[in-house]
Amino acid sequence: MGFLNYTDCLLQAFSNHNKSAEIVKRKKEILDSISNFYNYQPTSVLYVGFNPVILSETCKEIYTTNLSNVALQFLLDNNIKFTNLDNVNDSKYYKFFDVVIALDEYFTFADSEEDQKKLVANICNLTKEYLITTCRDYKNQEFKDREFSMPALVRNKSITQLFLEFHDHDLQDRNSWKTEVFQILNRQLIVAGPFARRPMFFKQLAKFSQDSGATGFTVHKNLMYKSLIKKNYEHVISIQFDNNGS
C-alpha cells in the first residue's frame, strides 16, 4: 500500500497543476526515447502506481496495478481504456507484459534488502522485453540531501500547493529511513506516510535484475526524470530481457 499511497500524492499535484499537458508531454518524451533506444513498439504495457504519463499511452493493451480507487476513477474520467490488476504477481502474468513502467523510485519502497530483491524479482518476472524505472544516485548523494527532498510548488488560479518530503533516517541502519510527504494546500496541512524506504544503488539494481533473468541494464545518461512533488532529478534506467525462443 505504501507506493500506492505515495503516488496518490503525485495525482493530487498533477490534478492542480496549471501545466499538466506540458508535464505529460515531457514524460512521454522519456518513454519514447527508450522505445527508440530499443527500436521496439510494445503492444502491452503495465503501469505500477499512478503516473501522469499514462494519459499519453497509445499502446493497444494498457494495464495498471498499485492504484487507489481515486486514481482509477481519475483514469476513467480521462477516458483511458485500461485493465487494473489487483494480484499482478499471479503466475498467469509471468512474462505477460511487453513493457513494465515503475517510476518514482519504486524499488526504494522496501523495509529490507530482501524486500528489495523480491520487488525486483517480481517486476522482472512480469516483463517480456524491458522495464523502465527511475532512481537517484545514492552512492554520490551529498549528506545535506539526506533529510529533505527539494520542495515543489504547484499552483493554478485558485490553489497554491506546497510539497515537502522529510526523510527520517534510522540511527542504527544508515540504509533505512521513513519518508513523510507534507502537503500544504491553501494553508491546510495534509501528511502522507510514513513510507519505509531504502536506497537502491545502480550496481545493486543491476545485480538483482541480472539474478532475475535480465540481459541488459542501461542508465540513460541523456535522460533525467523529475517528480511532481520534489525538484530532485532521478536517473532513468531500463532493464532488458532476451526472449528469443520464449
Protein backbone atom coordinates (compact mmCIF):
# COMPACT_ATOMS: atom_id res chain seq x y z
CA MET A 1 0.00 0.00 0.00
CA GLY A 2 2.94 2.31 0.58
CA PHE A 3 3.78 3.05 -3.04
CA LEU A 4 0.08 3.26 -3.92
CA ASN A 5 -0.45 5.99 -1.31
CA TYR A 6 2.75 7.74 -2.33
CA THR A 7 1.72 8.03 -5.98
CA ASP A 8 -1.63 9.41 -4.86
CA CYS A 9 0.40 12.47 -3.85
CA LEU A 10 1.55 12.71 -7.48
CA LEU A 11 -2.07 12.56 -8.59
CA GLN A 12 -3.00 15.39 -6.23
CA ALA A 13 -0.15 17.53 -7.56
CA PHE A 14 -0.96 16.76 -11.18
CA SER A 15 -4.68 17.47 -10.73
CA ASN A 16 -3.89 21.00 -9.53
CA HIS A 17 -1.04 21.81 -11.93
CA ASN A 18 -1.52 24.59 -14.45
CA LYS A 19 0.89 22.94 -16.90
CA SER A 20 -0.49 19.40 -16.89
CA ALA A 21 -0.32 18.96 -20.67
CA GLU A 22 3.34 20.01 -20.71
CA ILE A 23 4.12 17.56 -17.89
CA VAL A 24 2.57 14.66 -19.79
CA LYS A 25 4.46 15.64 -22.95
CA ARG A 26 7.84 15.77 -21.17
CA LYS A 27 7.36 12.39 -19.53
CA LYS A 28 6.17 10.85 -22.79
CA GLU A 29 9.38 12.04 -24.45
CA ILE A 30 11.31 9.92 -21.94
CA LEU A 31 9.32 6.79 -22.76
CA ASP A 32 9.56 7.46 -26.49
CA SER A 33 13.32 7.88 -26.21
CA ILE A 34 13.67 4.47 -24.58
CA SER A 35 11.35 2.90 -27.15
CA ASN A 36 13.61 4.33 -29.87
CA PHE A 37 16.69 3.13 -27.99
CA TYR A 38 15.41 -0.45 -28.24
CA ASN A 39 13.71 0.11 -31.60
CA TYR A 40 10.66 -1.58 -30.16
CA GLN A 41 6.98 -0.63 -30.01
CA PRO A 42 5.15 -2.60 -27.30
CA THR A 43 1.61 -3.87 -27.68
CA SER A 44 1.10 -4.31 -23.91
CA VAL A 45 2.31 -2.17 -21.03
CA LEU A 46 1.89 -2.31 -17.25
CA TYR A 47 1.99 0.84 -15.11
CA VAL A 48 2.91 0.36 -11.45
CA GLY A 49 1.37 3.16 -9.39
CA PHE A 50 -0.05 6.38 -10.79
CA ASN A 51 1.99 8.49 -13.16
CA PRO A 52 0.54 11.17 -15.45
CA VAL A 53 2.43 9.78 -18.45
CA ILE A 54 -0.26 7.09 -18.73
CA LEU A 55 -2.54 9.79 -20.16
CA SER A 56 -0.38 9.77 -23.30
CA GLU A 57 -0.22 5.98 -23.64
CA THR A 58 -1.25 4.69 -27.09
CA CYS A 59 -0.38 1.04 -26.53
CA LYS A 60 -3.06 -1.45 -27.57
CA GLU A 61 -3.27 -3.08 -24.14
CA ILE A 62 -2.83 -0.89 -21.05
CA TYR A 63 -2.69 -2.48 -17.60
CA THR A 64 -2.32 -0.92 -14.16
CA THR A 65 -1.55 -2.08 -10.64
CA ASN A 66 -0.95 -0.38 -7.26
CA LEU A 67 -3.63 2.24 -7.94
CA SER A 68 -6.09 3.66 -5.42
CA ASN A 69 -9.79 4.00 -6.16
CA VAL A 70 -9.25 7.73 -6.58
CA ALA A 71 -6.56 7.14 -9.21
CA LEU A 72 -8.68 4.55 -11.01
CA GLN A 73 -11.58 6.98 -11.19
CA PHE A 74 -9.26 9.70 -12.47
CA LEU A 75 -8.20 7.49 -15.38
CA LEU A 76 -11.80 6.59 -16.16
CA ASP A 77 -12.77 10.26 -16.10
CA ASN A 78 -9.98 10.91 -18.62
CA ASN A 79 -11.27 8.16 -20.94
CA ILE A 80 -8.24 5.90 -20.54
CA LYS A 81 -9.05 2.33 -21.55
CA PHE A 82 -7.16 0.04 -19.19
CA THR A 83 -7.37 -3.11 -17.10
CA ASN A 84 -6.50 -2.86 -13.42
CA LEU A 85 -4.92 -5.92 -11.79
CA ASP A 86 -5.10 -6.47 -8.03
CA ASN A 87 -2.89 -9.57 -7.97
CA VAL A 88 -0.35 -8.89 -10.67
CA ASN A 89 2.04 -11.49 -9.24
CA ASP A 90 -0.27 -14.35 -10.15
CA SER A 91 1.66 -16.95 -12.17
CA LYS A 92 -0.53 -16.35 -15.22
CA TYR A 93 1.15 -12.95 -15.65
CA TYR A 94 4.66 -14.39 -15.88
CA LYS A 95 6.38 -12.61 -18.79
CA PHE A 96 2.96 -11.29 -19.76
CA PHE A 97 3.70 -7.59 -20.40
CA ASP A 98 5.96 -6.32 -23.16
CA VAL A 99 6.98 -3.31 -21.07
CA VAL A 100 6.60 -2.52 -17.36
CA ILE A 101 6.83 1.08 -16.12
CA ALA A 102 7.65 1.58 -12.42
CA LEU A 103 8.84 5.16 -12.00
CA ASP A 104 9.34 7.42 -8.96
CA GLU A 105 12.00 5.26 -7.32
CA TYR A 106 9.67 2.29 -6.96
CA PHE A 107 12.43 -0.07 -5.83
CA THR A 108 13.31 2.12 -2.84
CA PHE A 109 9.95 1.45 -1.17
CA ALA A 110 11.02 -1.51 0.96
CA ASP A 111 11.71 -2.48 4.58
CA SER A 112 14.86 -4.51 3.89
CA GLU A 113 17.29 -5.56 1.20
CA GLU A 114 15.42 -8.87 0.95
CA ASP A 115 12.22 -6.94 0.25
CA GLN A 116 14.03 -5.04 -2.48
CA LYS A 117 15.22 -8.28 -4.06
CA LYS A 118 11.63 -9.53 -4.07
CA LEU A 119 10.36 -6.28 -5.60
CA VAL A 120 12.92 -6.53 -8.40
CA ALA A 121 12.28 -10.24 -8.97
CA ASN A 122 8.52 -9.74 -9.09
CA ILE A 123 8.74 -6.94 -11.67
CA CYS A 124 11.31 -8.82 -13.74
CA ASN A 125 9.05 -11.87 -13.82
CA LEU A 126 6.28 -9.75 -15.32
CA THR A 127 8.43 -8.20 -18.06
CA LYS A 128 8.84 -9.67 -21.51
CA GLU A 129 11.02 -7.05 -23.25
CA TYR A 130 12.15 -4.25 -20.92
CA LEU A 131 11.16 -2.34 -17.80
CA ILE A 132 11.66 1.32 -17.04
CA THR A 133 12.34 2.76 -13.60
CA THR A 134 13.97 5.81 -12.02
CA CYS A 135 16.38 6.25 -9.14
CA ARG A 136 18.59 8.86 -7.54
CA ASP A 137 22.35 8.38 -7.49
CA TYR A 138 22.52 7.38 -3.83
CA LYS A 139 26.19 6.42 -4.00
CA ASN A 140 27.15 10.03 -4.71
CA GLN A 141 24.39 11.67 -2.68
CA GLU A 142 25.57 14.56 -0.53
CA PHE A 143 24.85 14.39 3.18
CA LYS A 144 22.79 17.59 3.07
CA ASP A 145 20.37 15.89 0.66
CA ARG A 146 19.59 13.02 3.02
CA GLU A 147 16.97 14.60 5.26
CA PHE A 148 14.84 16.54 2.79
CA SER A 149 13.97 16.45 -0.87
CA MET A 150 13.85 19.79 -2.65
CA PRO A 151 10.37 21.27 -2.09
CA ALA A 152 7.97 21.62 -5.01
CA LEU A 153 5.28 24.20 -5.66
CA VAL A 154 2.08 23.50 -7.58
CA ARG A 155 -0.38 26.26 -8.35
CA ASN A 156 -3.22 27.35 -10.55
CA LYS A 157 -5.63 30.31 -10.45
CA SER A 158 -7.30 29.17 -7.23
CA ILE A 159 -4.87 26.80 -5.47
CA THR A 160 -1.38 27.05 -4.04
CA GLN A 161 0.05 23.66 -3.09
CA LEU A 162 3.42 23.00 -1.44
CA PHE A 163 5.09 19.60 -1.15
CA LEU A 164 7.96 18.75 1.18
CA GLU A 165 9.47 15.30 1.67
CA PHE A 166 11.11 14.57 5.02
CA HIS A 167 13.35 11.50 5.28
CA ASP A 168 13.77 10.28 8.85
CA HIS A 169 16.87 8.09 8.80
CA ASP A 170 17.29 5.19 11.21
CA LEU A 171 20.03 5.90 13.75
CA GLN A 172 21.29 2.29 13.68
CA ASP A 173 20.81 1.42 9.98
CA ARG A 174 22.09 4.17 7.70
CA ASN A 175 20.39 2.49 4.73
CA SER A 176 16.91 2.68 6.24
CA TRP A 177 14.58 5.63 6.55
CA LYS A 178 10.92 6.66 6.71
CA THR A 179 9.59 9.21 4.25
CA GLU A 180 6.71 11.54 5.04
CA VAL A 181 5.18 13.85 2.46
CA PHE A 182 3.91 17.14 3.88
CA GLN A 183 1.41 18.87 1.64
CA ILE A 184 0.22 22.39 2.39
CA LEU A 185 -2.91 23.09 0.36
CA ASN A 186 -4.21 26.64 0.75
CA ARG A 187 -2.68 26.74 4.28
CA GLN A 188 -4.13 23.34 5.25
CA LEU A 189 -1.61 20.65 6.19
CA ILE A 190 -2.01 17.10 4.83
CA VAL A 191 0.53 14.39 5.69
CA ALA A 192 1.12 11.15 3.75
CA GLY A 193 3.23 8.34 5.12
CA PRO A 194 5.47 7.32 6.73
CA PHE A 195 6.77 5.14 3.89
CA ALA A 196 9.55 2.63 4.56
CA ARG A 197 12.47 3.32 2.23
CA ARG A 198 15.93 2.06 1.37
CA PRO A 199 18.44 3.32 -1.21
CA MET A 200 18.78 1.36 -4.42
CA PHE A 201 22.25 1.66 -5.91
CA PHE A 202 22.76 1.22 -9.64
CA LYS A 203 25.11 -1.77 -9.28
CA GLN A 204 22.75 -3.28 -6.71
CA LEU A 205 19.75 -2.97 -9.06
CA ALA A 206 21.81 -4.36 -11.94
CA LYS A 207 22.79 -7.40 -9.82
CA PHE A 208 19.25 -8.04 -8.57
CA SER A 209 17.79 -7.79 -12.07
CA GLN A 210 20.52 -9.98 -13.58
CA ASP A 211 19.73 -12.60 -10.94
CA SER A 212 16.12 -12.40 -12.13
CA GLY A 213 16.94 -13.02 -15.78
CA ALA A 214 17.79 -9.59 -17.15
CA THR A 215 20.24 -9.47 -20.03
CA GLY A 216 20.79 -5.71 -20.22
CA PHE A 217 20.96 -2.77 -17.81
CA THR A 218 21.20 0.83 -19.01
CA VAL A 219 21.38 4.12 -17.12
CA HIS A 220 20.32 6.58 -19.82
CA LYS A 221 22.79 9.43 -19.39
CA ASN A 222 20.85 11.80 -21.63
CA LEU A 223 17.55 11.32 -19.77
CA MET A 224 16.55 12.68 -16.37
CA TYR A 225 13.21 12.40 -14.62
CA LYS A 226 11.65 14.83 -12.16
CA SER A 227 8.73 14.08 -9.88
CA LEU A 228 5.81 16.46 -9.39
CA ILE A 229 6.28 16.63 -5.61
CA LYS A 230 10.04 17.30 -5.43
CA LYS A 231 12.60 19.04 -7.60
CA ASN A 232 15.32 16.41 -7.32
CA TYR A 233 16.22 14.75 -10.57
CA GLU A 234 16.22 10.97 -10.89
CA HIS A 235 18.14 8.86 -13.38
CA VAL A 236 16.14 6.90 -15.93
CA ILE A 237 17.02 3.21 -16.05
CA SER A 238 15.88 0.49 -18.43
CA ILE A 239 16.36 -3.22 -17.87
CA GLN A 240 16.21 -5.54 -20.86
CA PHE A 241 15.24 -9.18 -21.24
CA ASP A 242 16.08 -11.60 -24.03
CA ASN A 243 13.01 -13.57 -25.01
CA ASN A 244 14.31 -15.44 -28.02
CA GLY A 245 12.69 -18.80 -28.04
CA SER A 246 10.33 -17.97 -25.18
